[in-house]
Amino acid sequence: MSQAVELDPGALHGVLGIFTDIDDTLTAEGRLDPPAAAALAELQAAGVPVIAVTGRPLGWCVPQLGIWPLAAMVAENGGVALIPDGDGARIEYAQSAAERAANALRLRATAERVLRELPGTALARDSDGRVTDIAVDHSEFTRLDEAGIAAVVRLMQEEGLTATVSSIHVNGWIGSHSKLTAAQWMLRRLYGRELAPEIGRWAYVGDSTNDQQMFAAFPLSVGVANLRRFAAQLRTWPRFITAGERGAGFAEVARAVLAGR
């Protein structure tokens, strides 16, 4: 049973901006959902910044940032940020080059162990574009049941990785960064402000178990309706849930924010 309540449009009046997940929040079948695309354009036109924080890799995000109207995109669950800069993007990392080089060896060894010890597993097809994490596919092109997903998480944790489960991948990385530290980083980096004093005026939108930290942190947290597929695994629900799934749900959030302008 969902602990979230139906989205109250009035609750989002006065919101300064939106942090959002990407897969199955803005996208459907791996592509930007048309209702979300329209909503992003309307938010940008109204001067409402949208910052995406995703488990997708740097290589996947680079071409998207040039197309999607976003203030910034943080990839690999907080490991690397892409910030629009003229016709291109600045790429900045949460860790030093030395840390990334050392971590890459451990990440590669962990990925090899997953494939060797857990039959039926496959790395995400976007793995070539990853620079600070690894990802095992469980729902995008390869299917793992709950037991298989749990086994991947356990193995990653045994190797000292942080492991989270998105709607499509099991992501693993080394370090203390997360979606929440990414939000803090981007508000400071883009606007020179701290998130804590104004977190009640930013909304967060997500769709999966790896959004639970953000649901807990943001008073104005929203799950798109397809979040309910993870009801059995969720321990922390968002404050609100939309009627629509994926991009249609995100568009509900956008309309509520814009109505208060």
C-alpha atoms as a PDB file:
ATOM      1  CA  MET A   1       0.000   0.000   0.000  1.00  0.00           C
ATOM      2  CA  SER A   2       1.446   3.334  -1.032  1.00  0.00           C
ATOM      3  CA  GLN A   3       2.230   5.799   1.729  1.00  0.00           C
ATOM      4  CA  ALA A   4       2.250   8.639  -0.815  1.00  0.00           C
ATOM      5  CA  VAL A   5      -0.828  10.738  -1.452  1.00  0.00           C
ATOM      6  CA  GLU A   6      -2.167  12.117  -4.705  1.00  0.00           C
ATOM      7  CA  LEU A   7      -0.194  15.113  -5.921  1.00  0.00           C
ATOM      8  CA  ASP A   8      -1.582  18.347  -4.497  1.00  0.00           C
ATOM      9  CA  PRO A   9      -0.838  21.019  -7.128  1.00  0.00           C
ATOM     10  CA  GLY A  10      -1.030  23.772  -4.537  1.00  0.00           C
ATOM     11  CA  ALA A  11       1.846  22.229  -2.591  1.00  0.00           C
ATOM     12  CA  LEU A  12       4.254  23.043  -5.424  1.00  0.00           C
ATOM     13  CA  HIS A  13       3.474  26.754  -5.635  1.00  0.00           C
ATOM     14  CA  GLY A  14       6.616  28.740  -4.945  1.00  0.00           C
ATOM     15  CA  VAL A  15       8.986  25.955  -6.009  1.00  0.00           C
ATOM     16  CA  LEU A  16      12.330  27.348  -7.179  1.00  0.00           C
ATOM     17  CA  GLY A  17      13.279  24.397  -9.375  1.00  0.00           C
ATOM     18  CA  ILE A  18      13.142  20.651  -9.886  1.00  0.00           C
ATOM     19  CA  PHE A  19      15.636  17.851  -9.418  1.00  0.00           C
ATOM     20  CA  THR A  20      14.642  14.737 -11.331  1.00  0.00           C
ATOM     21  CA  ASP A  21      15.639  11.205 -12.181  1.00  0.00           C
ATOM     22  CA  ILE A  22      15.724  10.308 -15.890  1.00  0.00           C
ATOM     23  CA  ASP A  23      14.935   6.658 -16.694  1.00  0.00           C
ATOM     24  CA  ASP A  24      11.199   5.941 -16.451  1.00  0.00           C
ATOM     25  CA  THR A  25      10.683   9.414 -14.987  1.00  0.00           C
ATOM     26  CA  LEU A  26      11.457  11.524 -18.044  1.00  0.00           C
ATOM     27  CA  THR A  27      11.797   8.602 -20.456  1.00  0.00           C
ATOM     28  CA  ALA A  28       9.720   5.715 -21.756  1.00  0.00           C
ATOM     29  CA  GLU A  29      11.392   2.769 -23.463  1.00  0.00           C
ATOM     30  CA  GLY A  30      14.715   4.589 -23.149  1.00  0.00           C
ATOM     31  CA  ARG A  31      13.626   7.732 -25.002  1.00  0.00           C
ATOM     32  CA  LEU A  32      12.493  11.121 -23.766  1.00  0.00           C
ATOM     33  CA  ASP A  33       8.738  10.809 -23.281  1.00  0.00           C
ATOM     34  CA  PRO A  34       6.869  13.461 -25.336  1.00  0.00           C
ATOM     35  CA  PRO A  35       4.888  14.805 -22.341  1.00  0.00           C
ATOM     36  CA  ALA A  36       8.147  15.235 -20.421  1.00  0.00           C
ATOM     37  CA  ALA A  37       9.818  16.914 -23.407  1.00  0.00           C
ATOM     38  CA  ALA A  38       7.004  19.459 -23.631  1.00  0.00           C
ATOM     39  CA  ALA A  39       7.077  20.019 -19.870  1.00  0.00           C
ATOM     40  CA  LEU A  40      10.848  20.615 -19.847  1.00  0.00           C
ATOM     41  CA  ALA A  41      10.483  23.224 -22.592  1.00  0.00           C
ATOM     42  CA  GLU A  42       7.692  25.000 -20.699  1.00  0.00           C
ATOM     43  CA  LEU A  43       9.695  25.020 -17.476  1.00  0.00           C
ATOM     44  CA  GLN A  44      12.746  26.435 -19.229  1.00  0.00           C
ATOM     45  CA  ALA A  45      10.645  29.158 -20.873  1.00  0.00           C
ATOM     46  CA  ALA A  46       9.281  30.096 -17.444  1.00  0.00           C
ATOM     47  CA  GLY A  47      12.755  30.262 -15.927  1.00  0.00           C
ATOM     48  CA  VAL A  48      12.336  27.179 -13.727  1.00  0.00           C
ATOM     49  CA  PRO A  49      15.616  25.211 -13.656  1.00  0.00           C
ATOM     50  CA  VAL A  50      15.494  21.438 -13.978  1.00  0.00           C
ATOM     51  CA  ILE A  51      18.556  19.442 -12.916  1.00  0.00           C
ATOM     52  CA  ALA A  52      18.655  15.751 -13.790  1.00  0.00           C
ATOM     53  CA  VAL A  53      20.452  13.296 -11.515  1.00  0.00           C
ATOM     54  CA  THR A  54      20.741   9.847 -13.046  1.00  0.00           C
ATOM     55  CA  GLY A  55      22.477   6.501 -12.943  1.00  0.00           C
ATOM     56  CA  ARG A  56      23.074   6.731 -16.684  1.00  0.00           C
ATOM     57  CA  PRO A  57      26.721   7.094 -17.731  1.00  0.00           C
ATOM     58  CA  LEU A  58      28.631  10.128 -18.875  1.00  0.00           C
ATOM     59  CA  GLY A  59      28.803   8.810 -22.435  1.00  0.00           C
ATOM     60  CA  TRP A  60      25.017   8.462 -22.621  1.00  0.00           C
ATOM     61  CA  CYS A  61      24.371  11.895 -21.130  1.00  0.00           C
ATOM     62  CA  VAL A  62      26.696  14.015 -23.280  1.00  0.00           C
ATOM     63  CA  PRO A  63      24.498  14.001 -26.418  1.00  0.00           C
ATOM     64  CA  GLN A  64      21.284  14.351 -24.391  1.00  0.00           C
ATOM     65  CA  LEU A  65      22.409  17.555 -22.673  1.00  0.00           C
ATOM     66  CA  GLY A  66      22.718  19.221 -26.041  1.00  0.00           C
ATOM     67  CA  ILE A  67      19.076  18.421 -26.814  1.00  0.00           C
ATOM     68  CA  TRP A  68      17.186  18.444 -23.529  1.00  0.00           C
ATOM     69  CA  PRO A  69      16.504  21.827 -21.871  1.00  0.00           C
ATOM     70  CA  LEU A  70      18.250  21.168 -18.557  1.00  0.00           C
ATOM     71  CA  ALA A  71      20.245  23.430 -16.257  1.00  0.00           C
ATOM     72  CA  ALA A  72      22.650  20.533 -15.662  1.00  0.00           C
ATOM     73  CA  MET A  73      22.830  16.766 -15.701  1.00  0.00           C
ATOM     74  CA  VAL A  74      24.658  14.683 -13.101  1.00  0.00           C
ATOM     75  CA  ALA A  75      25.497  11.187 -14.303  1.00  0.00           C
ATOM     76  CA  GLU A  76      26.549   7.961 -12.589  1.00  0.00           C
ATOM     77  CA  ASN A  77      24.638   8.700  -9.367  1.00  0.00           C
ATOM     78  CA  GLY A  78      26.602  11.810  -8.502  1.00  0.00           C
ATOM     79  CA  GLY A  79      30.005  10.867  -9.884  1.00  0.00           C
ATOM     80  CA  VAL A  80      30.236  13.273 -12.819  1.00  0.00           C
ATOM     81  CA  ALA A  81      28.407  16.455 -13.814  1.00  0.00           C
ATOM     82  CA  LEU A  82      27.680  17.981 -17.208  1.00  0.00           C
ATOM     83  CA  ILE A  83      27.045  21.719 -17.199  1.00  0.00           C
ATOM     84  CA  PRO A  84      25.962  23.576 -20.349  1.00  0.00           C
ATOM     85  CA  ASP A  85      28.701  25.856 -21.662  1.00  0.00           C
ATOM     86  CA  GLY A  86      27.943  27.583 -24.939  1.00  0.00           C
ATOM     87  CA  ASP A  87      27.364  24.939 -27.595  1.00  0.00           C
ATOM     88  CA  GLY A  88      28.997  22.263 -25.458  1.00  0.00           C
ATOM     89  CA  ALA A  89      29.272  21.189 -21.858  1.00  0.00           C
ATOM     90  CA  ARG A  90      31.754  21.391 -19.027  1.00  0.00           C
ATOM     91  CA  ILE A  91      32.485  18.001 -17.453  1.00  0.00           C
ATOM     92  CA  GLU A  92      33.355  18.010 -13.764  1.00  0.00           C
ATOM     93  CA  TYR A  93      33.976  15.112 -11.373  1.00  0.00           C
ATOM     94  CA  ALA A  94      33.149  14.474  -7.735  1.00  0.00           C
ATOM     95  CA  GLN A  95      36.520  12.718  -7.257  1.00  0.00           C
ATOM     96  CA  SER A  96      40.096  13.508  -8.248  1.00  0.00           C
ATOM     97  CA  ALA A  97      41.761  11.878 -11.251  1.00  0.00           C
ATOM     98  CA  ALA A  98      43.927   9.782  -8.916  1.00  0.00           C
ATOM     99  CA  GLU A  99      40.894   8.491  -7.030  1.00  0.00           C
ATOM    100  CA  ARG A 100      39.104   7.641 -10.249  1.00  0.00           C
ATOM    101  CA  ALA A 101      42.091   5.736 -11.600  1.00  0.00           C
ATOM    102  CA  ALA A 102      42.410   3.649  -8.429  1.00  0.00           C
ATOM    103  CA  ASN A 103      38.679   3.002  -8.262  1.00  0.00           C
ATOM    104  CA  ALA A 104      38.533   1.931 -11.906  1.00  0.00           C
ATOM    105  CA  LEU A 105      40.670  -1.132 -11.139  1.00  0.00           C
ATOM    106  CA  ARG A 106      38.363  -2.242  -8.320  1.00  0.00           C
ATOM    107  CA  LEU A 107      35.261  -1.566 -10.373  1.00  0.00           C
ATOM    108  CA  ARG A 108      36.581  -3.636 -13.273  1.00  0.00           C
ATOM    109  CA  ALA A 109      37.453  -6.521 -10.945  1.00  0.00           C
ATOM    110  CA  THR A 110      33.989  -6.394  -9.379  1.00  0.00           C
ATOM    111  CA  ALA A 111      32.285  -6.409 -12.770  1.00  0.00           C
ATOM    112  CA  GLU A 112      34.325  -9.440 -13.794  1.00  0.00           C
ATOM    113  CA  ARG A 113      33.385 -11.223 -10.567  1.00  0.00           C
ATOM    114  CA  VAL A 114      29.665 -10.526 -11.131  1.00  0.00           C
ATOM    115  CA  LEU A 115      29.783 -12.043 -14.606  1.00  0.00           C
ATOM    116  CA  ARG A 116      31.881 -14.992 -13.450  1.00  0.00           C
ATOM    117  CA  GLU A 117      29.926 -15.940 -10.328  1.00  0.00           C
ATOM    118  CA  LEU A 118      26.334 -14.974 -11.109  1.00  0.00           C
ATOM    119  CA  PRO A 119      24.930 -16.866 -14.114  1.00  0.00           C
ATOM    120  CA  GLY A 120      22.596 -14.920 -16.346  1.00  0.00           C
ATOM    121  CA  THR A 121      24.045 -11.513 -15.533  1.00  0.00           C
ATOM    122  CA  ALA A 122      25.159  -8.984 -18.128  1.00  0.00           C
ATOM    123  CA  LEU A 123      26.674  -5.543 -17.889  1.00  0.00           C
ATOM    124  CA  ALA A 124      24.502  -2.678 -19.057  1.00  0.00           C
ATOM    125  CA  ARG A 125      24.871  -1.959 -22.756  1.00  0.00           C
ATOM    126  CA  ASP A 126      25.866   1.610 -21.944  1.00  0.00           C
ATOM    127  CA  SER A 127      28.875   0.413 -19.915  1.00  0.00           C
ATOM    128  CA  ASP A 128      31.440   1.717 -22.407  1.00  0.00           C
ATOM    129  CA  GLY A 129      30.392   5.246 -21.494  1.00  0.00           C
ATOM    130  CA  ARG A 130      30.900   4.791 -17.743  1.00  0.00           C
ATOM    131  CA  VAL A 131      33.813   6.420 -15.969  1.00  0.00           C
ATOM    132  CA  THR A 132      33.016   6.237 -12.230  1.00  0.00           C
ATOM    133  CA  ASP A 133      30.723   3.229 -11.753  1.00  0.00           C
ATOM    134  CA  ILE A 134      29.555  -0.116 -13.119  1.00  0.00           C
ATOM    135  CA  ALA A 135      26.038  -1.193 -14.021  1.00  0.00           C
ATOM    136  CA  VAL A 136      24.425  -4.603 -14.329  1.00  0.00           C
ATOM    137  CA  ASP A 137      21.284  -4.799 -16.455  1.00  0.00           C
ATOM    138  CA  HIS A 138      18.187  -6.251 -14.802  1.00  0.00           C
ATOM    139  CA  SER A 139      15.278  -4.918 -16.892  1.00  0.00           C
ATOM    140  CA  GLU A 140      16.445  -2.959 -19.947  1.00  0.00           C
ATOM    141  CA  PHE A 141      17.726  -5.752 -22.224  1.00  0.00           C
ATOM    142  CA  THR A 142      18.401  -8.554 -19.722  1.00  0.00           C
ATOM    143  CA  ARG A 143      15.928  -9.873 -17.159  1.00  0.00           C
ATOM    144  CA  LEU A 144      16.933 -10.701 -13.583  1.00  0.00           C
ATOM    145  CA  ASP A 145      14.403 -11.738 -10.976  1.00  0.00           C
ATOM    146  CA  GLU A 146      14.383 -10.285  -7.449  1.00  0.00           C
ATOM    147  CA  ALA A 147      16.751 -12.977  -6.192  1.00  0.00           C
ATOM    148  CA  GLY A 148      19.184 -12.272  -9.011  1.00  0.00           C
ATOM    149  CA  ILE A 149      19.104  -8.531  -8.364  1.00  0.00           C
ATOM    150  CA  ALA A 150      19.683  -9.113  -4.656  1.00  0.00           C
ATOM    151  CA  ALA A 151      22.662 -11.359  -5.427  1.00  0.00           C
ATOM    152  CA  VAL A 152      24.269  -8.633  -7.554  1.00  0.00           C
ATOM    153  CA  VAL A 153      23.747  -6.074  -4.792  1.00  0.00           C
ATOM    154  CA  ARG A 154      25.290  -8.400  -2.185  1.00  0.00           C
ATOM    155  CA  LEU A 155      28.344  -9.098  -4.310  1.00  0.00           C
ATOM    156  CA  MET A 156      28.928  -5.404  -4.995  1.00  0.00           C
ATOM    157  CA  GLN A 157      28.645  -4.655  -1.292  1.00  0.00           C
ATOM    158  CA  GLU A 158      31.085  -7.459  -0.471  1.00  0.00           C
ATOM    159  CA  GLU A 159      33.574  -5.663  -2.731  1.00  0.00           C
ATOM    160  CA  GLY A 160      33.072  -2.416  -0.826  1.00  0.00           C
ATOM    161  CA  LEU A 161      30.864  -0.712  -3.405  1.00  0.00           C
ATOM    162  CA  THR A 162      27.755   1.349  -2.820  1.00  0.00           C
ATOM    163  CA  ALA A 163      25.006  -0.480  -4.704  1.00  0.00           C
ATOM    164  CA  THR A 164      21.594   0.824  -5.719  1.00  0.00           C
ATOM    165  CA  VAL A 165      18.798  -0.528  -7.884  1.00  0.00           C
ATOM    166  CA  SER A 166      17.168   1.670 -10.517  1.00  0.00           C
ATOM    167  CA  SER A 167      14.247   0.742 -12.734  1.00  0.00           C
ATOM    168  CA  ILE A 168      16.662  -0.847 -15.231  1.00  0.00           C
ATOM    169  CA  HIS A 169      20.124  -1.366 -13.676  1.00  0.00           C
ATOM    170  CA  VAL A 170      22.002  -2.287 -10.532  1.00  0.00           C
ATOM    171  CA  ASN A 171      24.625   0.445 -10.157  1.00  0.00           C
ATOM    172  CA  GLY A 172      27.782   0.148  -8.083  1.00  0.00           C
ATOM    173  CA  TRP A 173      30.424   2.748  -7.250  1.00  0.00           C
ATOM    174  CA  ILE A 174      33.151   3.603  -4.759  1.00  0.00           C
ATOM    175  CA  GLY A 175      32.844   6.763  -2.693  1.00  0.00           C
ATOM    176  CA  SER A 176      30.391   8.773  -0.649  1.00  0.00           C
ATOM    177  CA  HIS A 177      28.706  10.582  -3.541  1.00  0.00           C
ATOM    178  CA  SER A 178      25.022  10.025  -4.175  1.00  0.00           C
ATOM    179  CA  LYS A 179      22.027  11.665  -5.794  1.00  0.00           C
ATOM    180  CA  LEU A 180      21.679  13.860  -2.711  1.00  0.00           C
ATOM    181  CA  THR A 181      25.300  15.038  -2.739  1.00  0.00           C
ATOM    182  CA  ALA A 182      24.835  15.699  -6.458  1.00  0.00           C
ATOM    183  CA  ALA A 183      21.904  18.012  -5.721  1.00  0.00           C
ATOM    184  CA  GLN A 184      23.959  19.842  -3.092  1.00  0.00           C
ATOM    185  CA  TRP A 185      26.898  20.088  -5.480  1.00  0.00           C
ATOM    186  CA  MET A 186      24.842  21.481  -8.354  1.00  0.00           C
ATOM    187  CA  LEU A 187      23.020  24.124  -6.328  1.00  0.00           C
ATOM    188  CA  ARG A 188      26.367  25.332  -4.996  1.00  0.00           C
ATOM    189  CA  ARG A 189      28.094  25.065  -8.389  1.00  0.00           C
ATOM    190  CA  LEU A 190      25.371  26.706 -10.483  1.00  0.00           C
ATOM    191  CA  TYR A 191      23.952  29.287  -8.113  1.00  0.00           C
ATOM    192  CA  GLY A 192      26.414  29.660  -5.238  1.00  0.00           C
ATOM    193  CA  ARG A 193      23.805  28.592  -2.697  1.00  0.00           C
ATOM    194  CA  GLU A 194      23.434  25.784  -0.172  1.00  0.00           C
ATOM    195  CA  LEU A 195      20.621  23.281  -0.549  1.00  0.00           C
ATOM    196  CA  ALA A 196      19.793  22.790   3.142  1.00  0.00           C
ATOM    197  CA  PRO A 197      18.250  26.222   3.831  1.00  0.00           C
ATOM    198  CA  GLU A 198      15.984  26.044   0.767  1.00  0.00           C
ATOM    199  CA  ILE A 199      15.384  22.332   0.256  1.00  0.00           C
ATOM    200  CA  GLY A 200      11.700  22.881   1.021  1.00  0.00           C
ATOM    201  CA  ARG A 201      11.422  24.980  -2.124  1.00  0.00           C
ATOM    202  CA  TRP A 202      12.867  22.414  -4.526  1.00  0.00           C
ATOM    203  CA  ALA A 203      10.908  19.403  -5.780  1.00  0.00           C
ATOM    204  CA  TYR A 204      12.383  16.004  -6.508  1.00  0.00           C
ATOM    205  CA  VAL A 205      10.763  13.564  -8.965  1.00  0.00           C
ATOM    206  CA  GLY A 206      11.675   9.879  -9.223  1.00  0.00           C
ATOM    207  CA  ASP A 207      10.424   6.413 -10.010  1.00  0.00           C
ATOM    208  CA  SER A 208      12.451   3.708  -8.266  1.00  0.00           C
ATOM    209  CA  THR A 209      14.057   2.335  -5.126  1.00  0.00           C
ATOM    210  CA  ASN A 210      17.268   4.258  -5.783  1.00  0.00           C
ATOM    211  CA  ASP A 211      15.289   7.470  -5.275  1.00  0.00           C
ATOM    212  CA  GLN A 212      14.478   6.715  -1.642  1.00  0.00           C
ATOM    213  CA  GLN A 213      17.287   8.880  -0.236  1.00  0.00           C
ATOM    214  CA  MET A 214      15.890  11.810  -2.194  1.00  0.00           C
ATOM    215  CA  PHE A 215      12.313  11.035  -1.183  1.00  0.00           C
ATOM    216  CA  ALA A 216      13.424  11.173   2.452  1.00  0.00           C
ATOM    217  CA  ALA A 217      15.429  14.382   2.063  1.00  0.00           C
ATOM    218  CA  PHE A 218      13.040  16.512   0.000  1.00  0.00           C
ATOM    219  CA  PRO A 219       9.782  17.642   1.663  1.00  0.00           C
ATOM    220  CA  LEU A 220       8.358  18.134  -1.833  1.00  0.00           C
ATOM    221  CA  SER A 221       9.188  14.684  -3.216  1.00  0.00           C
ATOM    222  CA  VAL A 222       7.062  13.170  -5.962  1.00  0.00           C
ATOM    223  CA  GLY A 223       6.935   9.692  -7.424  1.00  0.00           C
ATOM    224  CA  VAL A 224       5.555   9.126 -10.910  1.00  0.00           C
ATOM    225  CA  ALA A 225       2.840   6.478 -10.888  1.00  0.00           C
ATOM    226  CA  ASN A 226       5.045   3.638 -12.150  1.00  0.00           C
ATOM    227  CA  LEU A 227       6.906   3.835  -8.827  1.00  0.00           C
ATOM    228  CA  ARG A 228       4.177   1.499  -7.534  1.00  0.00           C
ATOM    229  CA  ARG A 229       5.835  -1.419  -9.346  1.00  0.00           C
ATOM    230  CA  PHE A 230       8.467  -1.272  -6.578  1.00  0.00           C
ATOM    231  CA  ALA A 231       5.951  -1.170  -3.726  1.00  0.00           C
ATOM    232  CA  ALA A 232       7.246  -4.390  -2.184  1.00  0.00           C
ATOM    233  CA  GLN A 233      10.831  -3.080  -2.086  1.00  0.00           C
ATOM    234  CA  LEU A 234      10.175   0.515  -1.020  1.00  0.00           C
ATOM    235  CA  ARG A 235      10.869   1.536   2.556  1.00  0.00           C
ATOM    236  CA  THR A 236      10.665   5.271   1.959  1.00  0.00           C
ATOM    237  CA  TRP A 237       7.859   6.691  -0.151  1.00  0.00           C
ATOM    238  CA  PRO A 238       7.685  10.191  -1.634  1.00  0.00           C
ATOM    239  CA  ARG A 239       5.239  12.671  -0.202  1.00  0.00           C
ATOM    240  CA  PHE A 240       3.150  12.656  -3.380  1.00  0.00           C
ATOM    241  CA  ILE A 241       2.498  10.354  -6.298  1.00  0.00           C
ATOM    242  CA  THR A 242       1.188  11.355  -9.720  1.00  0.00           C
ATOM    243  CA  ALA A 243      -1.760   9.903 -11.611  1.00  0.00           C
ATOM    244  CA  GLY A 244       0.308   9.504 -14.776  1.00  0.00           C
ATOM    245  CA  GLU A 245       3.299   7.300 -15.392  1.00  0.00           C
ATOM    246  CA  ARG A 246       6.732   8.368 -16.624  1.00  0.00           C
ATOM    247  CA  GLY A 247       6.661  11.558 -18.717  1.00  0.00           C
ATOM    248  CA  ALA A 248       2.959  12.129 -18.133  1.00  0.00           C
ATOM    249  CA  GLY A 249       3.621  12.088 -14.397  1.00  0.00           C
ATOM    250  CA  PHE A 250       6.513  14.514 -14.732  1.00  0.00           C
ATOM    251  CA  ALA A 251       4.264  16.791 -16.782  1.00  0.00           C
ATOM    252  CA  GLU A 252       1.785  16.838 -13.866  1.00  0.00           C
ATOM    253  CA  VAL A 253       4.559  18.098 -11.624  1.00  0.00           C
ATOM    254  CA  ALA A 254       5.538  20.757 -14.166  1.00  0.00           C
ATOM    255  CA  ARG A 255       1.948  21.983 -14.505  1.00  0.00           C
ATOM    256  CA  ALA A 256       1.642  22.267 -10.720  1.00  0.00           C
ATOM    257  CA  VAL A 257       4.892  24.260 -10.477  1.00  0.00           C
ATOM    258  CA  LEU A 258       3.951  26.555 -13.366  1.00  0.00           C
ATOM    259  CA  ALA A 259       0.449  27.152 -12.013  1.00  0.00           C
ATOM    260  CA  GLY A 260       1.993  28.840  -9.002  1.00  0.00           C
ATOM    261  CA  ARG A 261       3.996  31.280 -11.099  1.00  0.00           C
END
